[in-house]
N, C-alpha and C. Protein backbone atom coordinates (compact mmCIF):
# COMPACT_ATOMS: atom_id res chain seq x y z
N MET A 1 22.56 -18.12 -0.20
CA MET A 1 21.84 -16.84 -0.33
C MET A 1 21.86 -16.35 -1.78
N GLY A 2 22.27 -17.15 -2.73
CA GLY A 2 22.60 -16.70 -4.08
C GLY A 2 21.70 -15.67 -4.72
N SER A 3 20.43 -15.58 -4.32
CA SER A 3 19.50 -14.72 -5.05
C SER A 3 19.73 -13.25 -4.75
N MET A 4 19.34 -12.41 -5.70
CA MET A 4 19.43 -10.97 -5.52
C MET A 4 18.46 -10.52 -4.44
N MET A 5 18.85 -9.48 -3.74
CA MET A 5 17.95 -8.94 -2.73
C MET A 5 16.73 -8.31 -3.40
N LYS A 6 15.56 -8.66 -2.92
CA LYS A 6 14.34 -8.06 -3.46
C LYS A 6 14.26 -6.59 -3.04
N THR A 7 13.53 -5.81 -3.83
CA THR A 7 13.29 -4.41 -3.49
C THR A 7 11.79 -4.17 -3.46
N GLY A 8 11.41 -2.97 -3.06
CA GLY A 8 10.00 -2.62 -3.05
C GLY A 8 9.33 -2.86 -4.39
N ALA A 9 10.07 -2.62 -5.48
CA ALA A 9 9.49 -2.79 -6.82
C ALA A 9 9.02 -4.22 -7.05
N ASP A 10 9.67 -5.19 -6.41
CA ASP A 10 9.27 -6.60 -6.55
C ASP A 10 7.92 -6.87 -5.90
N TYR A 11 7.45 -5.94 -5.07
CA TYR A 11 6.17 -6.11 -4.39
C TYR A 11 5.07 -5.20 -4.96
N ALA A 12 5.32 -4.62 -6.14
CA ALA A 12 4.33 -3.72 -6.75
C ALA A 12 2.99 -4.41 -6.97
N TRP A 13 3.02 -5.74 -7.20
CA TRP A 13 1.77 -6.50 -7.39
C TRP A 13 0.82 -6.33 -6.20
N PHE A 14 1.37 -6.10 -5.02
CA PHE A 14 0.51 -6.03 -3.83
C PHE A 14 -0.49 -4.88 -3.95
N GLN A 15 -0.01 -3.71 -4.36
CA GLN A 15 -0.92 -2.57 -4.50
C GLN A 15 -1.87 -2.75 -5.68
N ASN A 16 -1.39 -3.44 -6.72
CA ASN A 16 -2.25 -3.67 -7.90
C ASN A 16 -3.33 -4.70 -7.62
N ASP A 17 -2.95 -5.82 -6.97
CA ASP A 17 -3.88 -6.93 -6.76
C ASP A 17 -4.80 -6.72 -5.57
N TYR A 18 -4.32 -5.96 -4.57
CA TYR A 18 -5.07 -5.80 -3.32
C TYR A 18 -5.19 -4.33 -2.93
N PRO A 19 -5.84 -3.53 -3.81
CA PRO A 19 -5.87 -2.08 -3.54
C PRO A 19 -6.54 -1.73 -2.21
N ASP A 20 -7.59 -2.46 -1.83
CA ASP A 20 -8.27 -2.14 -0.57
C ASP A 20 -7.36 -2.47 0.62
N LEU A 21 -6.76 -3.66 0.59
CA LEU A 21 -5.87 -4.07 1.66
C LEU A 21 -4.65 -3.15 1.73
N ALA A 22 -4.13 -2.75 0.56
CA ALA A 22 -2.90 -1.96 0.51
C ALA A 22 -3.05 -0.60 1.20
N GLU A 23 -4.29 -0.14 1.36
CA GLU A 23 -4.52 1.15 2.03
C GLU A 23 -4.34 1.05 3.54
N ALA A 24 -4.57 -0.13 4.11
CA ALA A 24 -4.56 -0.25 5.58
C ALA A 24 -4.35 -1.70 5.96
N TYR A 25 -3.17 -2.02 6.48
CA TYR A 25 -2.87 -3.43 6.79
C TYR A 25 -1.73 -3.48 7.77
N CYS A 26 -1.58 -4.65 8.38
CA CYS A 26 -0.39 -4.97 9.16
C CYS A 26 -0.01 -6.41 8.84
N PHE A 27 1.25 -6.62 8.44
CA PHE A 27 1.79 -7.96 8.18
C PHE A 27 2.87 -8.23 9.23
N THR A 28 2.80 -9.38 9.87
CA THR A 28 3.77 -9.73 10.91
C THR A 28 4.30 -11.14 10.67
N LEU A 29 5.58 -11.34 10.88
CA LEU A 29 6.18 -12.67 10.81
C LEU A 29 6.83 -12.98 12.15
N VAL A 30 6.50 -14.16 12.70
CA VAL A 30 6.98 -14.59 14.00
C VAL A 30 7.68 -15.93 13.82
N ARG A 31 8.93 -16.02 14.29
CA ARG A 31 9.73 -17.22 14.05
C ARG A 31 9.44 -18.30 15.09
N GLY A 32 9.28 -19.53 14.59
CA GLY A 32 9.28 -20.70 15.47
C GLY A 32 8.04 -20.91 16.31
N LEU A 33 7.00 -20.14 16.09
CA LEU A 33 5.74 -20.36 16.82
C LEU A 33 4.65 -20.73 15.83
N SER A 34 3.76 -21.63 16.24
CA SER A 34 2.62 -21.97 15.38
C SER A 34 1.57 -20.87 15.48
N PRO A 35 0.63 -20.82 14.52
CA PRO A 35 -0.47 -19.86 14.66
C PRO A 35 -1.17 -19.95 16.01
N ALA A 36 -1.40 -21.18 16.49
CA ALA A 36 -2.09 -21.33 17.78
C ALA A 36 -1.28 -20.72 18.92
N GLU A 37 0.04 -20.88 18.87
CA GLU A 37 0.90 -20.31 19.92
C GLU A 37 0.88 -18.79 19.87
N VAL A 38 0.84 -18.23 18.67
CA VAL A 38 0.78 -16.77 18.54
C VAL A 38 -0.55 -16.26 19.09
N VAL A 39 -1.64 -16.94 18.76
CA VAL A 39 -2.96 -16.55 19.28
C VAL A 39 -2.94 -16.56 20.80
N SER A 40 -2.33 -17.60 21.35
CA SER A 40 -2.24 -17.72 22.80
C SER A 40 -1.45 -16.56 23.41
N ARG A 41 -0.33 -16.20 22.79
CA ARG A 41 0.48 -15.09 23.31
C ARG A 41 -0.27 -13.76 23.24
N LEU A 42 -1.13 -13.63 22.26
CA LEU A 42 -1.88 -12.37 22.09
C LEU A 42 -3.21 -12.40 22.84
N GLY A 43 -3.50 -13.54 23.50
CA GLY A 43 -4.78 -13.66 24.21
C GLY A 43 -5.96 -13.63 23.27
N GLY A 44 -5.79 -14.23 22.09
CA GLY A 44 -6.83 -14.18 21.06
C GLY A 44 -7.91 -15.24 21.24
N HIS A 45 -8.99 -15.06 20.51
CA HIS A 45 -10.13 -15.96 20.53
C HIS A 45 -10.24 -16.60 19.15
N PRO A 46 -10.12 -17.95 19.03
CA PRO A 46 -10.16 -18.59 17.71
C PRO A 46 -11.48 -18.33 16.98
N GLU A 47 -11.40 -18.15 15.68
CA GLU A 47 -12.57 -17.95 14.82
C GLU A 47 -12.49 -18.95 13.66
N ALA A 48 -13.56 -19.03 12.89
CA ALA A 48 -13.59 -19.97 11.75
C ALA A 48 -12.52 -19.58 10.73
N PRO A 49 -11.86 -20.58 10.12
CA PRO A 49 -10.85 -20.27 9.10
C PRO A 49 -11.49 -19.63 7.87
N LEU A 50 -10.67 -18.90 7.13
CA LEU A 50 -11.13 -18.22 5.91
C LEU A 50 -10.14 -18.51 4.79
N ARG A 51 -10.66 -18.83 3.60
CA ARG A 51 -9.77 -19.14 2.49
C ARG A 51 -9.58 -17.92 1.59
N GLY A 52 -8.32 -17.53 1.40
CA GLY A 52 -7.99 -16.46 0.47
C GLY A 52 -8.08 -15.08 1.11
N MET A 53 -7.25 -14.18 0.61
CA MET A 53 -7.15 -12.85 1.20
C MET A 53 -8.43 -12.04 1.04
N ALA A 54 -9.14 -12.21 -0.08
CA ALA A 54 -10.37 -11.44 -0.28
C ALA A 54 -11.38 -11.72 0.83
N ALA A 55 -11.50 -12.99 1.21
CA ALA A 55 -12.43 -13.38 2.28
C ALA A 55 -12.00 -12.79 3.61
N LEU A 56 -10.70 -12.79 3.86
CA LEU A 56 -10.18 -12.24 5.11
C LEU A 56 -10.42 -10.74 5.18
N VAL A 57 -10.16 -10.05 4.08
CA VAL A 57 -10.37 -8.59 4.04
C VAL A 57 -11.85 -8.27 4.25
N ASP A 58 -12.73 -8.99 3.55
CA ASP A 58 -14.17 -8.74 3.69
C ASP A 58 -14.62 -8.95 5.13
N ALA A 59 -14.15 -10.02 5.75
CA ALA A 59 -14.56 -10.33 7.12
C ALA A 59 -14.04 -9.28 8.10
N ALA A 60 -12.80 -8.83 7.87
CA ALA A 60 -12.21 -7.83 8.77
C ALA A 60 -12.97 -6.51 8.67
N PHE A 61 -13.27 -6.08 7.44
CA PHE A 61 -13.95 -4.80 7.27
C PHE A 61 -15.41 -4.89 7.72
N ALA A 62 -16.02 -6.06 7.59
CA ALA A 62 -17.40 -6.23 8.06
C ALA A 62 -17.49 -6.02 9.57
N ARG A 63 -16.44 -6.41 10.28
CA ARG A 63 -16.44 -6.26 11.74
C ARG A 63 -16.58 -4.81 12.18
N PHE A 64 -16.15 -3.88 11.33
CA PHE A 64 -16.17 -2.48 11.74
C PHE A 64 -17.58 -1.91 11.77
N GLY A 65 -18.52 -2.68 11.25
CA GLY A 65 -19.92 -2.29 11.40
C GLY A 65 -20.46 -2.59 12.78
N PHE A 66 -19.75 -3.42 13.54
CA PHE A 66 -20.24 -3.85 14.86
C PHE A 66 -19.67 -2.98 15.97
N THR A 67 -20.31 -3.05 17.12
CA THR A 67 -19.74 -2.41 18.29
C THR A 67 -18.50 -3.17 18.74
N ALA A 68 -18.34 -4.39 18.24
CA ALA A 68 -17.19 -5.23 18.63
C ALA A 68 -15.91 -4.79 17.93
N ALA A 69 -15.87 -3.55 17.45
CA ALA A 69 -14.71 -3.10 16.68
C ALA A 69 -13.44 -3.00 17.51
N HIS A 70 -13.53 -3.16 18.85
CA HIS A 70 -12.26 -3.17 19.58
C HIS A 70 -11.62 -4.55 19.60
N ARG A 71 -12.13 -5.45 18.76
CA ARG A 71 -11.40 -6.70 18.52
C ARG A 71 -10.94 -6.70 17.08
N GLN A 72 -9.70 -7.11 16.87
CA GLN A 72 -9.12 -7.14 15.53
C GLN A 72 -9.13 -8.56 15.00
N LEU A 73 -9.60 -8.73 13.75
CA LEU A 73 -9.51 -10.03 13.10
C LEU A 73 -8.10 -10.23 12.54
N VAL A 74 -7.51 -11.37 12.85
CA VAL A 74 -6.16 -11.70 12.40
C VAL A 74 -6.23 -13.02 11.65
N GLY A 75 -5.64 -13.04 10.46
CA GLY A 75 -5.51 -14.30 9.71
C GLY A 75 -4.07 -14.77 9.78
N MET A 76 -3.87 -16.06 10.00
CA MET A 76 -2.52 -16.59 10.20
C MET A 76 -2.29 -17.85 9.39
N THR A 77 -1.02 -18.05 9.01
CA THR A 77 -0.64 -19.29 8.35
C THR A 77 0.83 -19.57 8.62
N ALA A 78 1.19 -20.83 8.71
CA ALA A 78 2.60 -21.20 8.85
C ALA A 78 3.27 -21.11 7.48
N VAL A 79 4.45 -20.47 7.44
CA VAL A 79 5.26 -20.41 6.22
C VAL A 79 6.65 -20.87 6.64
N GLY A 80 6.97 -22.13 6.34
CA GLY A 80 8.22 -22.68 6.83
C GLY A 80 8.21 -22.67 8.36
N THR A 81 9.27 -22.13 8.95
CA THR A 81 9.36 -22.10 10.42
C THR A 81 8.73 -20.83 10.99
N TRP A 82 8.12 -20.03 10.16
CA TRP A 82 7.53 -18.76 10.59
C TRP A 82 6.01 -18.83 10.57
N THR A 83 5.37 -18.00 11.37
CA THR A 83 3.92 -17.78 11.22
C THR A 83 3.72 -16.37 10.70
N LEU A 84 2.93 -16.28 9.63
CA LEU A 84 2.54 -14.99 9.06
C LEU A 84 1.19 -14.59 9.66
N LEU A 85 1.11 -13.35 10.14
CA LEU A 85 -0.16 -12.77 10.60
C LEU A 85 -0.53 -11.64 9.66
N VAL A 86 -1.75 -11.64 9.19
CA VAL A 86 -2.25 -10.55 8.35
C VAL A 86 -3.44 -9.91 9.06
N GLU A 87 -3.36 -8.60 9.26
CA GLU A 87 -4.45 -7.84 9.86
C GLU A 87 -4.93 -6.80 8.86
N PRO A 88 -6.05 -7.05 8.17
CA PRO A 88 -6.60 -5.99 7.34
C PRO A 88 -7.08 -4.85 8.24
N ASN A 89 -6.63 -3.64 7.93
CA ASN A 89 -7.00 -2.45 8.70
C ASN A 89 -6.62 -2.58 10.17
N GLY A 90 -5.52 -3.29 10.46
CA GLY A 90 -5.11 -3.53 11.84
C GLY A 90 -3.73 -3.00 12.14
N PHE A 91 -3.35 -3.08 13.41
CA PHE A 91 -2.07 -2.52 13.83
C PHE A 91 -1.47 -3.23 15.04
N LEU A 92 -2.07 -4.36 15.46
CA LEU A 92 -1.56 -5.06 16.65
C LEU A 92 -0.08 -5.41 16.53
N GLY A 93 0.32 -5.85 15.34
CA GLY A 93 1.69 -6.32 15.15
C GLY A 93 2.76 -5.29 15.41
N VAL A 94 2.41 -4.00 15.26
CA VAL A 94 3.40 -2.94 15.49
C VAL A 94 3.12 -2.18 16.79
N THR A 95 2.20 -2.70 17.60
CA THR A 95 1.90 -2.07 18.89
C THR A 95 2.90 -2.62 19.92
N GLU A 96 3.83 -1.77 20.36
CA GLU A 96 4.96 -2.26 21.16
C GLU A 96 4.53 -3.02 22.41
N GLU A 97 3.48 -2.52 23.09
CA GLU A 97 3.09 -3.19 24.34
C GLU A 97 2.48 -4.57 24.11
N ARG A 98 2.13 -4.89 22.86
CA ARG A 98 1.67 -6.24 22.53
C ARG A 98 2.78 -7.04 21.88
N ALA A 99 3.50 -6.43 20.94
CA ALA A 99 4.51 -7.15 20.16
C ALA A 99 5.71 -7.55 21.01
N LEU A 100 6.20 -6.65 21.86
CA LEU A 100 7.43 -6.95 22.60
C LEU A 100 7.25 -8.13 23.55
N PRO A 101 6.20 -8.18 24.38
CA PRO A 101 6.02 -9.37 25.22
C PRO A 101 5.84 -10.64 24.38
N ALA A 102 5.12 -10.52 23.26
CA ALA A 102 4.85 -11.70 22.42
C ALA A 102 6.10 -12.20 21.70
N SER A 103 7.16 -11.37 21.66
CA SER A 103 8.39 -11.76 20.96
C SER A 103 9.35 -12.53 21.87
N ALA A 104 8.92 -12.87 23.07
CA ALA A 104 9.81 -13.58 24.02
C ALA A 104 10.40 -14.83 23.38
N GLY A 105 11.74 -14.89 23.37
CA GLY A 105 12.43 -16.08 22.87
C GLY A 105 12.41 -16.22 21.37
N THR A 106 11.97 -15.19 20.64
CA THR A 106 11.88 -15.35 19.20
C THR A 106 12.04 -14.01 18.48
N SER A 107 11.86 -14.04 17.16
CA SER A 107 11.93 -12.84 16.32
C SER A 107 10.52 -12.44 15.91
N TRP A 108 10.28 -11.13 15.88
CA TRP A 108 8.96 -10.59 15.53
C TRP A 108 9.21 -9.42 14.59
N ILE A 109 8.78 -9.56 13.35
CA ILE A 109 9.00 -8.53 12.33
C ILE A 109 7.64 -8.12 11.79
N SER A 110 7.32 -6.83 11.89
CA SER A 110 5.98 -6.39 11.54
C SER A 110 6.04 -5.05 10.80
N HIS A 111 5.12 -4.88 9.85
CA HIS A 111 5.02 -3.57 9.21
C HIS A 111 3.57 -3.24 8.91
N PHE A 112 3.26 -1.97 8.97
CA PHE A 112 1.87 -1.48 9.02
C PHE A 112 1.76 -0.19 8.24
N VAL A 113 0.59 -0.01 7.62
CA VAL A 113 0.22 1.26 6.99
C VAL A 113 -1.25 1.50 7.29
N ASN A 114 -1.64 2.75 7.52
CA ASN A 114 -3.08 3.03 7.65
C ASN A 114 -3.55 3.97 6.55
N VAL A 115 -4.84 4.28 6.53
CA VAL A 115 -5.42 5.07 5.43
C VAL A 115 -4.85 6.48 5.37
N ASN A 116 -4.25 6.95 6.47
CA ASN A 116 -3.62 8.28 6.45
C ASN A 116 -2.15 8.21 6.03
N ALA A 117 -1.73 7.05 5.52
CA ALA A 117 -0.35 6.84 5.07
C ALA A 117 0.65 6.91 6.21
N VAL A 118 0.17 6.76 7.45
CA VAL A 118 1.08 6.61 8.58
C VAL A 118 1.54 5.16 8.60
N GLY A 119 2.83 4.95 8.74
CA GLY A 119 3.34 3.58 8.71
C GLY A 119 4.34 3.32 9.82
N THR A 120 4.56 2.04 10.10
CA THR A 120 5.56 1.62 11.07
C THR A 120 6.20 0.33 10.60
N PHE A 121 7.52 0.24 10.74
CA PHE A 121 8.22 -1.04 10.61
C PHE A 121 8.81 -1.33 11.99
N LEU A 122 8.60 -2.55 12.48
CA LEU A 122 9.06 -2.91 13.82
C LEU A 122 9.75 -4.26 13.77
N TRP A 123 10.97 -4.31 14.35
CA TRP A 123 11.72 -5.56 14.46
C TRP A 123 12.10 -5.74 15.92
N ALA A 124 11.58 -6.82 16.52
CA ALA A 124 11.88 -7.13 17.92
C ALA A 124 12.52 -8.51 18.01
N GLU A 125 13.44 -8.65 18.96
CA GLU A 125 14.06 -9.95 19.25
C GLU A 125 13.96 -10.16 20.75
N ASP A 126 13.27 -11.21 21.17
CA ASP A 126 13.21 -11.58 22.58
C ASP A 126 12.89 -10.38 23.47
N GLN A 127 11.81 -9.70 23.16
CA GLN A 127 11.25 -8.60 23.94
C GLN A 127 12.08 -7.31 23.89
N VAL A 128 13.08 -7.28 23.00
CA VAL A 128 13.87 -6.06 22.82
C VAL A 128 13.57 -5.47 21.44
N LEU A 129 13.27 -4.18 21.41
CA LEU A 129 13.02 -3.49 20.15
C LEU A 129 14.35 -3.21 19.47
N ARG A 130 14.61 -3.89 18.36
CA ARG A 130 15.88 -3.71 17.63
C ARG A 130 15.81 -2.50 16.71
N LEU A 131 14.70 -2.38 16.00
CA LEU A 131 14.59 -1.33 14.99
C LEU A 131 13.13 -0.95 14.84
N CYS A 132 12.88 0.35 14.80
CA CYS A 132 11.53 0.84 14.53
C CYS A 132 11.64 2.15 13.76
N PHE A 133 10.80 2.32 12.74
CA PHE A 133 10.79 3.58 11.99
C PHE A 133 9.52 3.63 11.13
N ASP A 134 9.20 4.83 10.68
CA ASP A 134 8.13 5.02 9.70
C ASP A 134 8.76 4.89 8.32
N PRO A 135 8.27 3.95 7.49
CA PRO A 135 8.87 3.75 6.17
C PRO A 135 8.97 5.02 5.32
N LEU A 136 8.11 6.00 5.56
CA LEU A 136 8.21 7.25 4.81
C LEU A 136 9.38 8.12 5.29
N PHE A 137 9.85 7.86 6.51
CA PHE A 137 10.91 8.69 7.10
C PHE A 137 12.04 7.81 7.64
N PRO A 138 12.75 7.11 6.72
CA PRO A 138 13.74 6.13 7.18
C PRO A 138 14.94 6.76 7.89
N GLU A 139 15.10 8.09 7.78
CA GLU A 139 16.21 8.73 8.49
C GLU A 139 16.01 8.66 10.01
N GLU A 140 14.73 8.63 10.43
CA GLU A 140 14.42 8.68 11.86
C GLU A 140 14.15 7.27 12.36
N ARG A 141 15.19 6.63 12.89
CA ARG A 141 15.08 5.25 13.35
C ARG A 141 15.41 5.17 14.83
N TRP A 142 14.77 4.24 15.53
CA TRP A 142 15.11 4.02 16.94
C TRP A 142 15.12 2.53 17.23
N GLY A 143 15.44 2.17 18.48
CA GLY A 143 15.65 0.77 18.84
C GLY A 143 17.11 0.55 19.22
N THR A 144 17.45 -0.69 19.58
CA THR A 144 18.81 -0.98 20.05
C THR A 144 19.81 -1.13 18.90
N ALA A 145 19.33 -1.33 17.67
CA ALA A 145 20.24 -1.52 16.52
C ALA A 145 19.75 -0.69 15.33
N PRO A 146 19.60 0.63 15.51
CA PRO A 146 18.96 1.43 14.46
C PRO A 146 19.75 1.50 13.16
N ASP A 147 21.07 1.26 13.21
CA ASP A 147 21.89 1.41 12.01
C ASP A 147 22.39 0.10 11.42
N GLU A 148 22.05 -1.02 12.08
CA GLU A 148 22.58 -2.31 11.65
C GLU A 148 22.19 -2.62 10.21
N LEU A 149 20.98 -2.23 9.80
CA LEU A 149 20.47 -2.58 8.47
C LEU A 149 20.47 -1.39 7.52
N LEU A 150 21.26 -0.36 7.83
CA LEU A 150 21.18 0.87 7.05
C LEU A 150 21.43 0.64 5.56
N ASP A 151 22.46 -0.17 5.23
CA ASP A 151 22.74 -0.42 3.81
C ASP A 151 21.59 -1.18 3.16
N VAL A 152 20.98 -2.10 3.93
CA VAL A 152 19.84 -2.86 3.41
C VAL A 152 18.65 -1.92 3.15
N LEU A 153 18.42 -0.97 4.06
CA LEU A 153 17.31 -0.02 3.86
C LEU A 153 17.47 0.71 2.54
N HIS A 154 18.70 1.14 2.24
CA HIS A 154 18.95 1.81 0.96
C HIS A 154 18.70 0.86 -0.20
N ARG A 155 19.17 -0.37 -0.06
CA ARG A 155 19.10 -1.30 -1.19
C ARG A 155 17.69 -1.77 -1.50
N VAL A 156 16.83 -1.90 -0.48
CA VAL A 156 15.48 -2.41 -0.75
C VAL A 156 14.53 -1.32 -1.22
N GLY A 157 14.94 -0.05 -1.17
CA GLY A 157 14.14 0.98 -1.81
C GLY A 157 13.56 2.05 -0.91
N PHE A 158 13.98 2.11 0.37
CA PHE A 158 13.54 3.24 1.19
C PHE A 158 14.21 4.51 0.67
N HIS A 159 13.48 5.61 0.72
CA HIS A 159 13.97 6.84 0.12
C HIS A 159 14.56 7.75 1.18
N PHE A 160 15.84 8.03 1.04
CA PHE A 160 16.54 8.96 1.93
C PHE A 160 16.78 10.26 1.19
N GLY A 161 16.77 11.37 1.92
CA GLY A 161 17.14 12.62 1.30
C GLY A 161 15.96 13.51 0.99
N GLU A 162 16.25 14.62 0.36
CA GLU A 162 15.26 15.69 0.20
C GLU A 162 14.26 15.40 -0.90
N GLU A 163 14.74 14.95 -2.05
CA GLU A 163 13.88 14.84 -3.22
C GLU A 163 12.83 13.76 -3.03
N THR A 164 11.59 14.07 -3.39
CA THR A 164 10.54 13.06 -3.35
C THR A 164 10.65 12.21 -4.62
N PRO A 165 10.67 10.88 -4.47
CA PRO A 165 10.80 10.04 -5.67
C PRO A 165 9.52 10.07 -6.51
N GLU A 166 9.66 9.76 -7.78
CA GLU A 166 8.49 9.75 -8.69
C GLU A 166 7.48 8.72 -8.23
N THR A 167 7.97 7.50 -7.96
CA THR A 167 7.09 6.49 -7.38
C THR A 167 7.59 6.20 -5.98
N ASP A 168 6.70 6.35 -5.03
CA ASP A 168 7.09 6.12 -3.64
C ASP A 168 6.93 4.64 -3.32
N LEU A 169 8.04 3.98 -3.04
CA LEU A 169 8.02 2.54 -2.78
C LEU A 169 8.16 2.24 -1.29
N SER A 170 7.98 3.25 -0.42
CA SER A 170 8.29 3.06 1.00
C SER A 170 7.57 1.88 1.61
N SER A 171 6.23 1.83 1.43
CA SER A 171 5.49 0.75 2.09
C SER A 171 5.83 -0.59 1.47
N LEU A 172 6.12 -0.61 0.16
CA LEU A 172 6.50 -1.86 -0.50
C LEU A 172 7.91 -2.29 -0.10
N ALA A 173 8.78 -1.32 0.14
CA ALA A 173 10.14 -1.65 0.61
C ALA A 173 10.08 -2.35 1.96
N ALA A 174 9.04 -2.07 2.75
CA ALA A 174 8.89 -2.74 4.05
C ALA A 174 8.70 -4.25 3.85
N PHE A 175 7.98 -4.65 2.79
CA PHE A 175 7.85 -6.08 2.48
C PHE A 175 9.21 -6.69 2.16
N ALA A 176 10.02 -5.95 1.39
CA ALA A 176 11.34 -6.44 1.00
C ALA A 176 12.26 -6.53 2.21
N LEU A 177 12.16 -5.56 3.13
CA LEU A 177 12.98 -5.60 4.34
C LEU A 177 12.57 -6.77 5.23
N ALA A 178 11.28 -6.99 5.36
CA ALA A 178 10.80 -8.14 6.14
C ALA A 178 11.30 -9.45 5.53
N GLU A 179 11.29 -9.52 4.20
CA GLU A 179 11.77 -10.74 3.54
C GLU A 179 13.27 -10.93 3.79
N HIS A 180 14.02 -9.82 3.77
CA HIS A 180 15.46 -9.90 4.05
C HIS A 180 15.71 -10.45 5.46
N LEU A 181 14.90 -10.03 6.41
CA LEU A 181 15.10 -10.45 7.81
C LEU A 181 14.61 -11.87 8.08
N THR A 182 13.65 -12.34 7.32
CA THR A 182 13.00 -13.62 7.64
C THR A 182 13.24 -14.72 6.61
N GLY A 183 13.58 -14.33 5.39
CA GLY A 183 13.65 -15.30 4.30
C GLY A 183 12.29 -15.70 3.76
N VAL A 184 11.22 -15.09 4.29
CA VAL A 184 9.86 -15.43 3.86
C VAL A 184 9.40 -14.43 2.81
N ALA A 185 9.07 -14.94 1.64
CA ALA A 185 8.53 -14.10 0.57
C ALA A 185 7.00 -14.14 0.63
N ILE A 186 6.38 -12.96 0.68
CA ILE A 186 4.93 -12.88 0.52
C ILE A 186 4.66 -12.91 -0.98
N THR A 187 3.78 -13.80 -1.42
CA THR A 187 3.50 -13.94 -2.85
C THR A 187 2.00 -13.85 -3.10
N PRO A 188 1.60 -13.52 -4.33
CA PRO A 188 0.17 -13.54 -4.64
C PRO A 188 -0.46 -14.90 -4.37
N GLU A 189 0.27 -15.98 -4.70
CA GLU A 189 -0.26 -17.34 -4.49
C GLU A 189 -0.52 -17.59 -3.01
N LEU A 190 0.42 -17.16 -2.17
CA LEU A 190 0.28 -17.35 -0.73
C LEU A 190 -1.00 -16.67 -0.23
N LEU A 191 -1.21 -15.43 -0.66
CA LEU A 191 -2.38 -14.68 -0.18
C LEU A 191 -3.68 -15.23 -0.76
N GLU A 192 -3.59 -15.76 -1.98
CA GLU A 192 -4.79 -16.20 -2.71
C GLU A 192 -5.25 -17.58 -2.28
N GLU A 193 -4.28 -18.49 -2.06
CA GLU A 193 -4.60 -19.91 -1.95
C GLU A 193 -4.57 -20.45 -0.53
N THR A 194 -4.14 -19.61 0.42
CA THR A 194 -4.04 -20.07 1.80
C THR A 194 -5.41 -20.09 2.47
N THR A 195 -5.65 -21.12 3.25
CA THR A 195 -6.77 -21.10 4.19
C THR A 195 -6.20 -20.61 5.53
N PHE A 196 -6.60 -19.40 5.90
CA PHE A 196 -6.02 -18.75 7.07
C PHE A 196 -6.68 -19.24 8.36
N THR A 197 -5.86 -19.59 9.33
CA THR A 197 -6.32 -19.78 10.70
C THR A 197 -6.69 -18.39 11.21
N CYS A 198 -7.88 -18.24 11.78
CA CYS A 198 -8.31 -16.90 12.18
C CYS A 198 -8.54 -16.80 13.68
N ALA A 199 -8.39 -15.58 14.18
CA ALA A 199 -8.68 -15.29 15.58
C ALA A 199 -9.05 -13.82 15.68
N THR A 200 -9.76 -13.48 16.74
CA THR A 200 -9.94 -12.06 17.06
C THR A 200 -9.16 -11.78 18.32
N VAL A 201 -8.54 -10.61 18.34
CA VAL A 201 -7.69 -10.21 19.45
C VAL A 201 -8.16 -8.84 19.93
N ARG A 202 -8.28 -8.70 21.26
CA ARG A 202 -8.67 -7.42 21.82
C ARG A 202 -7.58 -6.40 21.55
N ILE A 203 -8.00 -5.22 21.07
CA ILE A 203 -7.02 -4.20 20.72
C ILE A 203 -6.53 -3.46 21.96
N ARG A 204 -7.44 -3.08 22.84
CA ARG A 204 -7.04 -2.35 24.05
C ARG A 204 -7.77 -2.89 25.24
N GLY A 205 -7.19 -2.65 26.42
CA GLY A 205 -7.88 -3.03 27.65
C GLY A 205 -7.82 -4.53 27.86
N SER A 206 -8.36 -5.00 28.95
CA SER A 206 -8.23 -6.42 29.28
C SER A 206 -9.55 -7.03 29.69
N ALA A 207 -10.64 -6.29 29.56
CA ALA A 207 -11.94 -6.81 30.01
C ALA A 207 -12.39 -7.97 29.15
């Protein structure tokens, strides 16, 4: 483990390089399942692959022009033993009624922000919610292990206490916390050079 723990500041490139995505996204890491297995667990419909994050973002936002907006476009790629899911303007990964069943027998770590700066960090293990909180309000945590990572939350850059920090790193600290839990680093190269396996997943209902 020799390397220093990353902090939100190490992910500042994300907001600089991907300003549109940084306003509204969900990133999820699932251990030991292939992209196809994750799609199957979510009841998704395979779509054509897309190369690079810009293409994925454009395709996801284009969908919102359609009446089919109750399906979310998800881009996926294997990173070591994990599958990364990226949802531009999505939230499936932090939706408990979808994430918890899909986490059966494995680890599911997801974090989300929307255009209203509402955020969620969710960590599930085998259908049990271990930790959930809004990155802007790290004092208010729930799940079966809400305090297990408390020192890590401080170290990766979540802001506790009254004073508002000059630069708010809350959403970026969520990337650092996910990396701490998974060992998977999200990098500009990964987002730029990956050809993502894609699927659409129904957001609500079962029709």
